[in-house]
Each structure stands twice: as C-alpha cells, then as structure tokens.
C-alpha cells in the first residue's frame, strides 16, 4: 500500500502588536528567494473603523511593473496569520488564505488543529473569499465575509521604505547613520498582498496585546511504501 507523507516548508515573519508595527524581510532566505513562499512584510494596525484590526501579509517582493501582471498567488501555498492572544508565544487563532481559480479563500479565526510547523487548512471554518484584484485595476476588489470580516488579495506598491545602499555603507564602516531623507530602494516595485480586516472583539486579547506572525506553507507529497 502506498501512503503520502506531507512535508511543510515554512517561512515566517513575527511581530508584537500594541500599536502600529511591522516586520519586513525582502529575499533574505535562500530557500524561498524568488518563490511564492517568500514573505516580504507583515503589518498589523488599527483600521479606519477603530473597532477593527487590519492584518497585511505581503509576499513575492521586488516585482517590477513589467513582471507584476504575470505574478500570481500559488494554489499550493497556504498563507497564515498566526495570533497569540494570551502571551504564551503559541498560536491561539489562525487566519488562513489560499488561492484557487482566481479567488483567495479564507479560513479560520479558530484554534488551529496543529501548532508550530505542522498545519492543515481549517476547512470547517470558512470565512469567505475574494476575487484577486488584477494589476492596474483602478478600484481594488474588497469582499465581506463571516462576522463582518473584510478581505483583499492582489498586487500593491511595496509600502516598505528602506535605504539599502546606505545600510550597506553603515555595515561596511563607510557611514555612521542613515540620511534624511534617504533613498527608497523599493520604490517602483510591487508585492502581492493579502489583507484581512477583523473586528477586535473576535480576537479576545489578554492584557490588550496580541503577538502575530505570518507563515507560508507548501505541501509536498512523497510516496512511501509500507
């Protein structure tokens, strides 16, 4: 009898939320460089409706405008916001996003079946779906799902500002500080964004804080004889 062994390759970005915070990483990990699993940024901030929190996960960074139209989410890549709401550094809630047939489906705001590096799609907790906004569209496509949760998926201008050349000079001992203003190395490049706006009442934070990290997981199947 043949069985399939599931191996999950995970990339991750982490932050603690008590205000407007972010974490960023552009193509630093060789195992995911140039892959749909490559995470660039994680942002969590209070929404225009101050009763909500907005979660933003960006991937596939440094896309030139000429390449953005052909870029797409990967149906074999599960994107997850993992939320620790009690301070024990283990995920208590997950929001999952996965691409299928021109849409991104969302699952979660439930305790995950597995924590750590193991994961599965929480298919019994479907939140909603949204069409992927095409590159160049004048109006972004936003959908509203279960419990008033809102979703967006599609290309966006990379919002992260970093003067990479000056950073290299500082590390190399040729400068001691950043310039004001600096040069935005990522200007004119794009990312693929997953955005979820969630009512705070659904997050149940203790002590008014949550820890959030973003992961991408790729399922690989390996035949096994037994």
C-alpha atoms as a PDB file:
ATOM      1  CA  UNK A   1       0.000   0.000   0.000  1.00  0.00           C
ATOM      2  CA  UNK A   2       1.227   3.491  -0.826  1.00  0.00           C
ATOM      3  CA  UNK A   3       0.922   6.352   1.586  1.00  0.00           C
ATOM      4  CA  UNK A   4       1.686  10.013   1.184  1.00  0.00           C
ATOM      5  CA  UNK A   5       3.870  11.847   3.650  1.00  0.00           C
ATOM      6  CA  UNK A   6       3.134  15.558   3.963  1.00  0.00           C
ATOM      7  CA  UNK A   7       6.134  17.829   4.420  1.00  0.00           C
ATOM      8  CA  UNK A   8       5.548  21.524   5.136  1.00  0.00           C
ATOM      9  CA  UNK A   9       8.138  24.139   4.163  1.00  0.00           C
ATOM     10  CA  UNK A  10       7.510  27.241   6.282  1.00  0.00           C
ATOM     11  CA  UNK A  11       8.703  30.831   6.047  1.00  0.00           C
ATOM     12  CA  UNK A  12       7.877  33.250   8.840  1.00  0.00           C
ATOM     13  CA  UNK A  13       7.771  36.898   9.973  1.00  0.00           C
ATOM     14  CA  UNK A  14       6.888  37.901  13.548  1.00  0.00           C
ATOM     15  CA  UNK A  15       5.715  40.956  15.497  1.00  0.00           C
ATOM     16  CA  UNK A  16       4.045  42.031  18.747  1.00  0.00           C
ATOM     17  CA  UNK A  17       1.075  44.363  18.407  1.00  0.00           C
ATOM     18  CA  UNK A  18       0.201  47.147  20.806  1.00  0.00           C
ATOM     19  CA  UNK A  19       0.135  49.917  18.173  1.00  0.00           C
ATOM     20  CA  UNK A  20       1.177  50.286  14.534  1.00  0.00           C
ATOM     21  CA  UNK A  21       4.017  47.859  13.980  1.00  0.00           C
ATOM     22  CA  UNK A  22       5.536  45.904  11.126  1.00  0.00           C
ATOM     23  CA  UNK A  23       8.137  43.300  10.289  1.00  0.00           C
ATOM     24  CA  UNK A  24       9.965  43.106   6.972  1.00  0.00           C
ATOM     25  CA  UNK A  25      12.276  40.737   5.140  1.00  0.00           C
ATOM     26  CA  UNK A  26      12.982  41.014   1.414  1.00  0.00           C
ATOM     27  CA  UNK A  27      14.523  37.934  -0.211  1.00  0.00           C
ATOM     28  CA  UNK A  28      16.938  37.169   2.620  1.00  0.00           C
ATOM     29  CA  UNK A  29      16.218  33.446   2.954  1.00  0.00           C
ATOM     30  CA  UNK A  30      17.860  31.379   0.159  1.00  0.00           C
ATOM     31  CA  UNK A  31      15.293  28.562   0.448  1.00  0.00           C
ATOM     32  CA  UNK A  32      12.411  30.840  -0.577  1.00  0.00           C
ATOM     33  CA  UNK A  33      14.133  33.531  -2.664  1.00  0.00           C
ATOM     34  CA  UNK A  34      12.129  34.085  -5.833  1.00  0.00           C
ATOM     35  CA  UNK A  35       9.419  31.678  -4.693  1.00  0.00           C
ATOM     36  CA  UNK A  36       5.723  32.369  -3.943  1.00  0.00           C
ATOM     37  CA  UNK A  37       6.518  31.469  -0.325  1.00  0.00           C
ATOM     38  CA  UNK A  38       8.866  34.467   0.057  1.00  0.00           C
ATOM     39  CA  UNK A  39       7.438  36.812   2.719  1.00  0.00           C
ATOM     40  CA  UNK A  40       8.400  40.487   2.490  1.00  0.00           C
ATOM     41  CA  UNK A  41       6.279  42.272   5.093  1.00  0.00           C
ATOM     42  CA  UNK A  42       3.816  41.810   7.927  1.00  0.00           C
ATOM     43  CA  UNK A  43       1.755  44.773   9.126  1.00  0.00           C
ATOM     44  CA  UNK A  44      -0.955  44.960  11.793  1.00  0.00           C
ATOM     45  CA  UNK A  45      -2.687  48.252  12.548  1.00  0.00           C
ATOM     46  CA  UNK A  46      -5.959  49.771  13.694  1.00  0.00           C
ATOM     47  CA  UNK A  47      -8.461  50.198  10.895  1.00  0.00           C
ATOM     48  CA  UNK A  48     -10.316  53.312   9.800  1.00  0.00           C
ATOM     49  CA  UNK A  49     -13.072  51.767  11.873  1.00  0.00           C
ATOM     50  CA  UNK A  50     -11.219  51.807  15.180  1.00  0.00           C
ATOM     51  CA  UNK A  51     -13.112  48.727  16.367  1.00  0.00           C
ATOM     52  CA  UNK A  52     -11.164  46.679  13.794  1.00  0.00           C
ATOM     53  CA  UNK A  53      -7.584  45.494  13.283  1.00  0.00           C
ATOM     54  CA  UNK A  54      -6.100  45.181   9.802  1.00  0.00           C
ATOM     55  CA  UNK A  55      -3.673  42.333   9.034  1.00  0.00           C
ATOM     56  CA  UNK A  56      -1.478  42.706   5.929  1.00  0.00           C
ATOM     57  CA  UNK A  57       0.783  39.942   4.627  1.00  0.00           C
ATOM     58  CA  UNK A  58       2.978  40.729   1.616  1.00  0.00           C
ATOM     59  CA  UNK A  59       4.944  38.245  -0.467  1.00  0.00           C
ATOM     60  CA  UNK A  60       6.918  37.943  -3.731  1.00  0.00           C
ATOM     61  CA  UNK A  61       8.721  41.252  -3.328  1.00  0.00           C
ATOM     62  CA  UNK A  62      10.759  43.380  -5.745  1.00  0.00           C
ATOM     63  CA  UNK A  63       8.320  42.778  -8.617  1.00  0.00           C
ATOM     64  CA  UNK A  64       8.983  45.180 -11.471  1.00  0.00           C
ATOM     65  CA  UNK A  65       5.870  46.713 -13.063  1.00  0.00           C
ATOM     66  CA  UNK A  66       6.637  44.716 -16.217  1.00  0.00           C
ATOM     67  CA  UNK A  67       6.532  41.464 -14.215  1.00  0.00           C
ATOM     68  CA  UNK A  68       3.635  42.231 -11.873  1.00  0.00           C
ATOM     69  CA  UNK A  69       0.857  41.440 -14.332  1.00  0.00           C
ATOM     70  CA  UNK A  70       2.072  37.861 -14.673  1.00  0.00           C
ATOM     71  CA  UNK A  71       2.674  37.358 -10.937  1.00  0.00           C
ATOM     72  CA  UNK A  72       0.103  35.279  -9.099  1.00  0.00           C
ATOM     73  CA  UNK A  73      -0.611  33.566  -5.827  1.00  0.00           C
ATOM     74  CA  UNK A  74       0.251  29.863  -5.760  1.00  0.00           C
ATOM     75  CA  UNK A  75      -2.551  27.332  -5.136  1.00  0.00           C
ATOM     76  CA  UNK A  76      -0.049  25.110  -3.286  1.00  0.00           C
ATOM     77  CA  UNK A  77       0.973  27.861  -0.851  1.00  0.00           C
ATOM     78  CA  UNK A  78      -1.025  28.378   2.352  1.00  0.00           C
ATOM     79  CA  UNK A  79      -0.592  31.855   3.851  1.00  0.00           C
ATOM     80  CA  UNK A  80      -1.357  32.151   7.564  1.00  0.00           C
ATOM     81  CA  UNK A  81      -1.624  34.896  10.131  1.00  0.00           C
ATOM     82  CA  UNK A  82      -0.971  33.193  13.463  1.00  0.00           C
ATOM     83  CA  UNK A  83      -2.234  35.011  16.546  1.00  0.00           C
ATOM     84  CA  UNK A  84      -1.174  34.513  20.166  1.00  0.00           C
ATOM     85  CA  UNK A  85      -3.715  36.276  22.369  1.00  0.00           C
ATOM     86  CA  UNK A  86      -2.553  35.084  25.818  1.00  0.00           C
ATOM     87  CA  UNK A  87       1.190  35.747  25.758  1.00  0.00           C
ATOM     88  CA  UNK A  88       2.445  32.153  25.676  1.00  0.00           C
ATOM     89  CA  UNK A  89       4.085  32.521  22.228  1.00  0.00           C
ATOM     90  CA  UNK A  90       1.931  29.773  20.707  1.00  0.00           C
ATOM     91  CA  UNK A  91      -0.820  30.435  18.188  1.00  0.00           C
ATOM     92  CA  UNK A  92      -4.323  30.521  19.668  1.00  0.00           C
ATOM     93  CA  UNK A  93      -6.038  31.664  16.470  1.00  0.00           C
ATOM     94  CA  UNK A  94      -5.222  31.412  12.776  1.00  0.00           C
ATOM     95  CA  UNK A  95      -6.423  33.218   9.668  1.00  0.00           C
ATOM     96  CA  UNK A  96      -5.587  31.179   6.567  1.00  0.00           C
ATOM     97  CA  UNK A  97      -5.586  32.241   2.913  1.00  0.00           C
ATOM     98  CA  UNK A  98      -5.153  30.049  -0.160  1.00  0.00           C
ATOM     99  CA  UNK A  99      -5.569  30.779  -3.863  1.00  0.00           C
ATOM    100  CA  UNK A 100      -7.932  28.821  -6.100  1.00  0.00           C
ATOM    101  CA  UNK A 101      -9.342  29.597  -9.560  1.00  0.00           C
ATOM    102  CA  UNK A 102      -8.868  33.359  -9.485  1.00  0.00           C
ATOM    103  CA  UNK A 103     -10.038  33.781  -5.897  1.00  0.00           C
ATOM    104  CA  UNK A 104      -8.444  33.631  -2.462  1.00  0.00           C
ATOM    105  CA  UNK A 105     -10.394  31.606   0.104  1.00  0.00           C
ATOM    106  CA  UNK A 106     -10.083  32.425   3.801  1.00  0.00           C
ATOM    107  CA  UNK A 107     -10.468  30.081   6.765  1.00  0.00           C
ATOM    108  CA  UNK A 108     -10.059  30.365  10.487  1.00  0.00           C
ATOM    109  CA  UNK A 109     -10.314  32.638  13.412  1.00  0.00           C
ATOM    110  CA  UNK A 110     -10.300  29.349  15.198  1.00  0.00           C
ATOM    111  CA  UNK A 111      -7.778  27.457  17.287  1.00  0.00           C
ATOM    112  CA  UNK A 112      -5.625  25.531  14.784  1.00  0.00           C
ATOM    113  CA  UNK A 113      -5.669  21.756  14.557  1.00  0.00           C
ATOM    114  CA  UNK A 114      -1.860  21.826  14.860  1.00  0.00           C
ATOM    115  CA  UNK A 115       0.593  24.403  16.199  1.00  0.00           C
ATOM    116  CA  UNK A 116       4.201  25.024  15.266  1.00  0.00           C
ATOM    117  CA  UNK A 117       5.464  23.711  11.921  1.00  0.00           C
ATOM    118  CA  UNK A 118       2.561  21.324  11.307  1.00  0.00           C
ATOM    119  CA  UNK A 119      -0.580  22.766   9.767  1.00  0.00           C
ATOM    120  CA  UNK A 120      -3.765  21.978   7.881  1.00  0.00           C
ATOM    121  CA  UNK A 121      -6.473  24.008   6.212  1.00  0.00           C
ATOM    122  CA  UNK A 122      -9.317  24.586   8.656  1.00  0.00           C
ATOM    123  CA  UNK A 123     -11.981  23.778   6.070  1.00  0.00           C
ATOM    124  CA  UNK A 124     -14.742  23.627   8.677  1.00  0.00           C
ATOM    125  CA  UNK A 125     -14.201  27.315   9.447  1.00  0.00           C
ATOM    126  CA  UNK A 126     -14.705  29.049   6.090  1.00  0.00           C
ATOM    127  CA  UNK A 127     -14.708  32.839   6.463  1.00  0.00           C
ATOM    128  CA  UNK A 128     -15.258  33.970   2.868  1.00  0.00           C
ATOM    129  CA  UNK A 129     -13.446  34.593  -0.393  1.00  0.00           C
ATOM    130  CA  UNK A 130     -12.431  37.471  -2.638  1.00  0.00           C
ATOM    131  CA  UNK A 131     -11.541  37.774  -6.322  1.00  0.00           C
ATOM    132  CA  UNK A 132      -7.898  38.675  -6.887  1.00  0.00           C
ATOM    133  CA  UNK A 133      -7.654  42.326  -7.947  1.00  0.00           C
ATOM    134  CA  UNK A 134      -5.844  42.447 -11.316  1.00  0.00           C
ATOM    135  CA  UNK A 135      -2.728  44.570 -11.717  1.00  0.00           C
ATOM    136  CA  UNK A 136      -3.658  48.026 -12.957  1.00  0.00           C
ATOM    137  CA  UNK A 137      -7.267  47.879 -11.762  1.00  0.00           C
ATOM    138  CA  UNK A 138      -8.493  51.307 -10.764  1.00  0.00           C
ATOM    139  CA  UNK A 139     -10.598  50.065  -7.868  1.00  0.00           C
ATOM    140  CA  UNK A 140      -9.468  47.288  -5.506  1.00  0.00           C
ATOM    141  CA  UNK A 141     -11.873  44.379  -5.014  1.00  0.00           C
ATOM    142  CA  UNK A 142     -12.910  44.053  -1.367  1.00  0.00           C
ATOM    143  CA  UNK A 143     -15.272  41.358  -0.080  1.00  0.00           C
ATOM    144  CA  UNK A 144     -17.047  40.996   3.251  1.00  0.00           C
ATOM    145  CA  UNK A 145     -17.433  37.559   4.795  1.00  0.00           C
ATOM    146  CA  UNK A 146     -18.455  35.976   8.067  1.00  0.00           C
ATOM    147  CA  UNK A 147     -18.805  38.242  11.135  1.00  0.00           C
ATOM    148  CA  UNK A 148     -18.106  41.353   9.044  1.00  0.00           C
ATOM    149  CA  UNK A 149     -14.513  40.327   8.239  1.00  0.00           C
ATOM    150  CA  UNK A 150     -13.226  42.041   5.075  1.00  0.00           C
ATOM    151  CA  UNK A 151     -10.745  40.648   2.528  1.00  0.00           C
ATOM    152  CA  UNK A 152      -8.441  41.870  -0.254  1.00  0.00           C
ATOM    153  CA  UNK A 153      -5.918  39.990  -2.390  1.00  0.00           C
ATOM    154  CA  UNK A 154      -3.771  41.341  -5.194  1.00  0.00           C
ATOM    155  CA  UNK A 155      -0.739  43.381  -6.263  1.00  0.00           C
ATOM    156  CA  UNK A 156       0.174  46.567  -4.411  1.00  0.00           C
ATOM    157  CA  UNK A 157       3.062  49.014  -4.462  1.00  0.00           C
ATOM    158  CA  UNK A 158       5.649  47.907  -1.911  1.00  0.00           C
ATOM    159  CA  UNK A 159       4.987  50.201   1.086  1.00  0.00           C
ATOM    160  CA  UNK A 160       8.217  49.423   2.927  1.00  0.00           C
ATOM    161  CA  UNK A 161      10.833  52.206   2.931  1.00  0.00           C
ATOM    162  CA  UNK A 162      14.478  51.220   3.277  1.00  0.00           C
ATOM    163  CA  UNK A 163      17.729  52.753   2.085  1.00  0.00           C
ATOM    164  CA  UNK A 164      19.620  49.561   1.318  1.00  0.00           C
ATOM    165  CA  UNK A 165      22.704  51.258  -0.154  1.00  0.00           C
ATOM    166  CA  UNK A 166      23.187  53.397   2.942  1.00  0.00           C
ATOM    167  CA  UNK A 167      22.648  50.346   5.131  1.00  0.00           C
ATOM    168  CA  UNK A 168      25.478  48.556   3.314  1.00  0.00           C
ATOM    169  CA  UNK A 169      27.715  51.606   3.826  1.00  0.00           C
ATOM    170  CA  UNK A 170      26.964  51.617   7.567  1.00  0.00           C
ATOM    171  CA  UNK A 171      27.660  47.885   7.879  1.00  0.00           C
ATOM    172  CA  UNK A 172      30.851  48.304   5.853  1.00  0.00           C
ATOM    173  CA  UNK A 173      32.123  51.131   8.062  1.00  0.00           C
ATOM    174  CA  UNK A 174      31.804  53.796   5.335  1.00  0.00           C
ATOM    175  CA  UNK A 175      28.979  55.669   7.105  1.00  0.00           C
ATOM    176  CA  UNK A 176      27.685  56.013  10.644  1.00  0.00           C
ATOM    177  CA  UNK A 177      24.000  56.846  10.111  1.00  0.00           C
ATOM    178  CA  UNK A 178      21.149  56.977   7.644  1.00  0.00           C
ATOM    179  CA  UNK A 179      20.470  60.105   5.584  1.00  0.00           C
ATOM    180  CA  UNK A 180      17.394  62.301   5.994  1.00  0.00           C
ATOM    181  CA  UNK A 181      15.831  61.987   3.529  1.00  0.00           C
ATOM    182  CA  UNK A 182      17.140  58.625   2.437  1.00  0.00           C
ATOM    183  CA  UNK A 183      16.743  56.786  -0.856  1.00  0.00           C
ATOM    184  CA  UNK A 184      13.828  54.339  -1.070  1.00  0.00           C
ATOM    185  CA  UNK A 185      15.395  51.198  -2.534  1.00  0.00           C
ATOM    186  CA  UNK A 186      11.988  49.564  -3.027  1.00  0.00           C
ATOM    187  CA  UNK A 187      10.349  52.497  -4.836  1.00  0.00           C
ATOM    188  CA  UNK A 188       8.664  51.391  -8.055  1.00  0.00           C
ATOM    189  CA  UNK A 189       8.466  47.732  -7.068  1.00  0.00           C
ATOM    190  CA  UNK A 190       5.402  45.714  -6.153  1.00  0.00           C
ATOM    191  CA  UNK A 191       4.310  42.879  -3.870  1.00  0.00           C
ATOM    192  CA  UNK A 192       1.335  40.541  -3.701  1.00  0.00           C
ATOM    193  CA  UNK A 193      -0.801  41.433  -0.686  1.00  0.00           C
ATOM    194  CA  UNK A 194      -3.272  39.565   1.467  1.00  0.00           C
ATOM    195  CA  UNK A 195      -5.320  41.954   3.625  1.00  0.00           C
ATOM    196  CA  UNK A 196      -7.834  40.954   6.300  1.00  0.00           C
ATOM    197  CA  UNK A 197      -9.789  43.429   8.461  1.00  0.00           C
ATOM    198  CA  UNK A 198     -11.104  41.829  11.639  1.00  0.00           C
ATOM    199  CA  UNK A 199     -13.319  43.149  14.457  1.00  0.00           C
ATOM    200  CA  UNK A 200     -11.216  43.344  17.615  1.00  0.00           C
ATOM    201  CA  UNK A 201     -13.992  41.596  19.521  1.00  0.00           C
ATOM    202  CA  UNK A 202     -13.169  38.362  17.680  1.00  0.00           C
ATOM    203  CA  UNK A 203      -9.524  38.312  18.835  1.00  0.00           C
ATOM    204  CA  UNK A 204     -10.045  38.101  22.632  1.00  0.00           C
ATOM    205  CA  UNK A 205      -6.661  39.593  23.628  1.00  0.00           C
ATOM    206  CA  UNK A 206      -5.457  39.314  27.194  1.00  0.00           C
ATOM    207  CA  UNK A 207      -3.781  42.416  28.650  1.00  0.00           C
ATOM    208  CA  UNK A 208      -4.692  44.336  25.487  1.00  0.00           C
ATOM    209  CA  UNK A 209      -1.909  42.761  23.393  1.00  0.00           C
ATOM    210  CA  UNK A 210      -1.524  40.088  20.745  1.00  0.00           C
ATOM    211  CA  UNK A 211       1.521  38.526  19.128  1.00  0.00           C
ATOM    212  CA  UNK A 212       1.239  37.954  15.377  1.00  0.00           C
ATOM    213  CA  UNK A 213       3.402  36.075  12.924  1.00  0.00           C
ATOM    214  CA  UNK A 214       2.977  35.342   9.234  1.00  0.00           C
ATOM    215  CA  UNK A 215       3.864  31.998   7.668  1.00  0.00           C
ATOM    216  CA  UNK A 216       3.747  30.432   4.238  1.00  0.00           C
ATOM    217  CA  UNK A 217       3.484  26.662   3.992  1.00  0.00           C
ATOM    218  CA  UNK A 218       3.944  24.460   0.930  1.00  0.00           C
ATOM    219  CA  UNK A 219       2.590  20.924   0.959  1.00  0.00           C
ATOM    220  CA  UNK A 220       4.912  18.398  -0.637  1.00  0.00           C
ATOM    221  CA  UNK A 221       3.880  14.795  -1.206  1.00  0.00           C
ATOM    222  CA  UNK A 222       6.394  11.972  -1.088  1.00  0.00           C
ATOM    223  CA  UNK A 223       5.307   8.392  -1.945  1.00  0.00           C
ATOM    224  CA  UNK A 224       6.107   5.930   0.805  1.00  0.00           C
ATOM    225  CA  UNK A 225       5.964   2.125   0.636  1.00  0.00           C
ATOM    226  CA  UNK A 226       4.627   0.155   3.578  1.00  0.00           C
END
